[in-house]
Amino acid sequence: MELGNVIVLTTKSSLDRNEYIKNLENLGKYNFFYGYDKKIDLLNFLEQKNKKFLYHPFSKSGILYKGQIGCYIGHYLILKKIVDE
């Protein structure tokens, strides 16, 4: 089965992962969407939007890790792109 219009969330520094995805068969039409993978980019995004993204509502400690924040931002930006376009 071939999928259509797949968005692959990744980072530019994920070279092995990106190469693996390029070699997948039956993936269909896809586009890489490059998220943030640098701490300064994450902090700038949070500063521009809302610092509440730093806290997880279900976590006892409340603080999200850098990777969790980057993942959230990547998914947020993909959904925003879908809505905008």
N, C-alpha and C. Protein backbone atom coordinates (compact mmCIF):
# COMPACT_ATOMS: atom_id res chain seq x y z
N MET A 1 0.85 -1.19 0.00
CA MET A 1 0.00 0.00 0.00
C MET A 1 0.89 1.23 0.00
N GLU A 2 0.55 2.18 -0.83
CA GLU A 2 1.32 3.42 -0.92
C GLU A 2 0.55 4.54 -0.25
N LEU A 3 1.25 5.29 0.58
CA LEU A 3 0.65 6.43 1.25
C LEU A 3 0.86 7.68 0.41
N GLY A 4 0.01 8.66 0.55
CA GLY A 4 0.17 9.90 -0.20
C GLY A 4 0.32 11.10 0.70
N ASN A 5 1.06 12.09 0.24
CA ASN A 5 1.22 13.35 0.95
C ASN A 5 1.66 13.16 2.41
N VAL A 6 2.72 12.45 2.60
CA VAL A 6 3.26 12.19 3.93
C VAL A 6 4.18 13.33 4.32
N ILE A 7 4.04 13.81 5.56
CA ILE A 7 4.95 14.81 6.10
C ILE A 7 5.84 14.11 7.11
N VAL A 8 7.14 14.17 6.88
CA VAL A 8 8.10 13.52 7.76
C VAL A 8 8.74 14.60 8.63
N LEU A 9 8.42 14.57 9.92
CA LEU A 9 9.02 15.52 10.86
C LEU A 9 10.40 14.99 11.25
N THR A 10 11.40 15.78 11.02
CA THR A 10 12.77 15.37 11.31
C THR A 10 13.60 16.62 11.58
N THR A 11 14.88 16.45 11.76
CA THR A 11 15.78 17.58 11.89
C THR A 11 16.90 17.43 10.87
N LYS A 12 17.53 18.52 10.53
CA LYS A 12 18.62 18.48 9.56
C LYS A 12 19.81 17.69 10.09
N SER A 13 19.96 17.63 11.40
CA SER A 13 21.09 16.91 11.98
C SER A 13 20.85 15.40 12.10
N SER A 14 19.65 14.94 11.80
CA SER A 14 19.32 13.51 11.87
C SER A 14 19.65 12.82 10.55
N LEU A 15 20.93 12.82 10.21
CA LEU A 15 21.37 12.34 8.90
C LEU A 15 21.03 10.87 8.65
N ASP A 16 21.31 10.01 9.62
CA ASP A 16 21.01 8.58 9.44
C ASP A 16 19.52 8.33 9.27
N ARG A 17 18.72 8.98 10.09
CA ARG A 17 17.27 8.82 10.02
C ARG A 17 16.75 9.30 8.67
N ASN A 18 17.21 10.44 8.22
CA ASN A 18 16.75 11.00 6.94
C ASN A 18 17.13 10.09 5.78
N GLU A 19 18.33 9.54 5.81
CA GLU A 19 18.77 8.63 4.75
C GLU A 19 17.92 7.35 4.77
N TYR A 20 17.63 6.84 5.94
CA TYR A 20 16.79 5.65 6.07
C TYR A 20 15.41 5.90 5.44
N ILE A 21 14.82 7.04 5.73
CA ILE A 21 13.49 7.37 5.20
C ILE A 21 13.54 7.50 3.69
N LYS A 22 14.58 8.11 3.16
CA LYS A 22 14.72 8.25 1.71
C LYS A 22 14.76 6.90 1.01
N ASN A 23 15.25 5.87 1.69
CA ASN A 23 15.37 4.55 1.09
C ASN A 23 14.16 3.64 1.31
N LEU A 24 13.14 4.14 2.01
CA LEU A 24 11.94 3.33 2.23
C LEU A 24 11.17 3.18 0.93
N GLU A 25 10.68 1.98 0.69
CA GLU A 25 9.84 1.74 -0.48
C GLU A 25 8.38 1.91 -0.06
N ASN A 26 7.53 2.23 -1.00
CA ASN A 26 6.09 2.36 -0.79
C ASN A 26 5.70 3.49 0.15
N LEU A 27 6.57 4.44 0.35
CA LEU A 27 6.22 5.56 1.20
C LEU A 27 5.34 6.55 0.44
N GLY A 28 5.46 6.54 -0.86
CA GLY A 28 4.66 7.48 -1.66
C GLY A 28 5.29 8.86 -1.66
N LYS A 29 4.46 9.84 -1.96
CA LYS A 29 4.94 11.22 -1.99
C LYS A 29 5.12 11.71 -0.56
N TYR A 30 6.28 12.26 -0.28
CA TYR A 30 6.54 12.77 1.05
C TYR A 30 7.41 14.01 0.98
N ASN A 31 7.35 14.78 2.04
CA ASN A 31 8.18 15.96 2.18
C ASN A 31 8.77 15.96 3.58
N PHE A 32 10.03 16.30 3.68
CA PHE A 32 10.65 16.48 4.99
C PHE A 32 10.22 17.83 5.55
N PHE A 33 9.87 17.85 6.81
CA PHE A 33 9.60 19.08 7.53
C PHE A 33 10.64 19.14 8.63
N TYR A 34 11.52 20.11 8.54
CA TYR A 34 12.62 20.20 9.48
C TYR A 34 12.23 21.03 10.69
N GLY A 35 12.24 20.38 11.85
CA GLY A 35 11.93 21.05 13.10
C GLY A 35 13.19 21.64 13.71
N TYR A 36 13.02 22.19 14.88
CA TYR A 36 14.14 22.80 15.59
C TYR A 36 14.96 21.72 16.28
N ASP A 37 16.27 21.82 16.16
CA ASP A 37 17.11 20.89 16.91
C ASP A 37 18.25 21.61 17.62
N LYS A 38 18.14 22.91 17.71
CA LYS A 38 19.15 23.69 18.43
C LYS A 38 18.47 24.40 19.59
N LYS A 39 19.12 24.36 20.73
CA LYS A 39 18.54 24.94 21.94
C LYS A 39 18.15 26.40 21.75
N ILE A 40 18.97 27.17 21.06
CA ILE A 40 18.68 28.61 20.87
C ILE A 40 17.40 28.80 20.04
N ASP A 41 17.19 27.94 19.04
CA ASP A 41 15.96 28.03 18.25
C ASP A 41 14.73 27.72 19.10
N LEU A 42 14.85 26.71 19.95
CA LEU A 42 13.74 26.36 20.84
C LEU A 42 13.41 27.52 21.77
N LEU A 43 14.43 28.08 22.38
CA LEU A 43 14.20 29.17 23.33
C LEU A 43 13.63 30.40 22.64
N ASN A 44 14.09 30.71 21.44
CA ASN A 44 13.54 31.84 20.69
C ASN A 44 12.07 31.63 20.37
N PHE A 45 11.71 30.41 19.95
CA PHE A 45 10.31 30.11 19.65
C PHE A 45 9.45 30.29 20.89
N LEU A 46 9.90 29.76 22.00
CA LEU A 46 9.13 29.86 23.24
C LEU A 46 8.99 31.31 23.69
N GLU A 47 10.04 32.08 23.52
CA GLU A 47 10.01 33.49 23.89
C GLU A 47 8.98 34.25 23.05
N GLN A 48 8.91 33.93 21.77
CA GLN A 48 7.98 34.61 20.86
C GLN A 48 6.53 34.20 21.12
N LYS A 49 6.32 32.96 21.52
CA LYS A 49 4.95 32.45 21.67
C LYS A 49 4.45 32.59 23.10
N ASN A 50 4.80 31.62 23.92
CA ASN A 50 4.25 31.59 25.26
C ASN A 50 5.07 30.62 26.09
N LYS A 51 5.60 31.07 27.18
CA LYS A 51 6.46 30.23 28.00
C LYS A 51 5.71 29.08 28.66
N LYS A 52 4.39 29.06 28.60
CA LYS A 52 3.63 27.96 29.19
C LYS A 52 3.97 26.62 28.53
N PHE A 53 4.53 26.66 27.34
CA PHE A 53 4.91 25.42 26.66
C PHE A 53 5.98 24.66 27.44
N LEU A 54 6.67 25.32 28.35
CA LEU A 54 7.73 24.68 29.11
C LEU A 54 7.21 23.68 30.13
N TYR A 55 5.94 23.73 30.45
CA TYR A 55 5.40 22.91 31.53
C TYR A 55 4.40 21.88 31.00
N HIS A 56 4.56 20.67 31.47
CA HIS A 56 3.69 19.57 31.07
C HIS A 56 2.59 19.45 32.13
N PRO A 57 1.33 19.49 31.72
CA PRO A 57 0.24 19.51 32.72
C PRO A 57 0.09 18.20 33.49
N PHE A 58 0.60 17.08 32.96
CA PHE A 58 0.41 15.79 33.61
C PHE A 58 1.65 15.30 34.35
N SER A 59 2.71 16.06 34.29
CA SER A 59 3.97 15.64 34.90
C SER A 59 4.06 16.15 36.33
N LYS A 60 4.60 15.34 37.21
CA LYS A 60 4.75 15.76 38.60
C LYS A 60 5.76 16.90 38.72
N SER A 61 6.84 16.81 37.95
CA SER A 61 7.86 17.86 38.02
C SER A 61 7.46 19.07 37.19
N GLY A 62 6.70 18.85 36.14
CA GLY A 62 6.21 19.95 35.32
C GLY A 62 7.14 20.42 34.22
N ILE A 63 8.42 20.15 34.32
CA ILE A 63 9.37 20.65 33.33
C ILE A 63 9.51 19.66 32.17
N LEU A 64 9.46 20.16 30.96
CA LEU A 64 9.67 19.33 29.78
C LEU A 64 11.14 19.35 29.40
N TYR A 65 11.63 18.25 28.85
CA TYR A 65 12.99 18.19 28.33
C TYR A 65 13.08 18.90 26.99
N LYS A 66 14.29 19.31 26.62
CA LYS A 66 14.51 20.02 25.36
C LYS A 66 13.95 19.23 24.17
N GLY A 67 14.17 17.93 24.12
CA GLY A 67 13.66 17.11 23.02
C GLY A 67 12.15 17.09 22.96
N GLN A 68 11.50 17.06 24.13
CA GLN A 68 10.04 17.08 24.17
C GLN A 68 9.50 18.41 23.66
N ILE A 69 10.16 19.48 24.02
CA ILE A 69 9.74 20.81 23.55
C ILE A 69 9.94 20.90 22.04
N GLY A 70 11.07 20.42 21.54
CA GLY A 70 11.33 20.45 20.10
C GLY A 70 10.31 19.63 19.34
N CYS A 71 9.94 18.47 19.85
CA CYS A 71 8.93 17.62 19.21
C CYS A 71 7.58 18.34 19.17
N TYR A 72 7.21 18.94 20.29
CA TYR A 72 5.95 19.69 20.35
C TYR A 72 5.94 20.81 19.31
N ILE A 73 7.02 21.58 19.27
CA ILE A 73 7.09 22.71 18.35
C ILE A 73 6.99 22.21 16.89
N GLY A 74 7.68 21.11 16.57
CA GLY A 74 7.61 20.57 15.21
C GLY A 74 6.19 20.20 14.83
N HIS A 75 5.47 19.50 15.70
CA HIS A 75 4.09 19.13 15.41
C HIS A 75 3.19 20.37 15.34
N TYR A 76 3.42 21.32 16.22
CA TYR A 76 2.66 22.57 16.20
C TYR A 76 2.83 23.29 14.86
N LEU A 77 4.08 23.38 14.39
CA LEU A 77 4.35 24.10 13.14
C LEU A 77 3.76 23.37 11.93
N ILE A 78 3.75 22.04 11.95
CA ILE A 78 3.13 21.28 10.86
C ILE A 78 1.62 21.55 10.84
N LEU A 79 0.98 21.49 11.98
CA LEU A 79 -0.47 21.77 12.03
C LEU A 79 -0.76 23.20 11.60
N LYS A 80 0.06 24.14 12.00
CA LYS A 80 -0.12 25.54 11.57
C LYS A 80 0.01 25.66 10.07
N LYS A 81 0.98 24.97 9.49
CA LYS A 81 1.18 25.00 8.03
C LYS A 81 -0.04 24.43 7.31
N ILE A 82 -0.59 23.33 7.83
CA ILE A 82 -1.78 22.72 7.23
C ILE A 82 -2.95 23.70 7.26
N VAL A 83 -3.15 24.33 8.39
CA VAL A 83 -4.26 25.29 8.53
C VAL A 83 -4.04 26.49 7.61
N ASP A 84 -2.83 27.02 7.57
CA ASP A 84 -2.53 28.20 6.76
C ASP A 84 -2.66 27.94 5.26
N GLU A 85 -2.31 26.74 4.85
CA GLU A 85 -2.32 26.43 3.41
C GLU A 85 -3.59 25.72 3.00
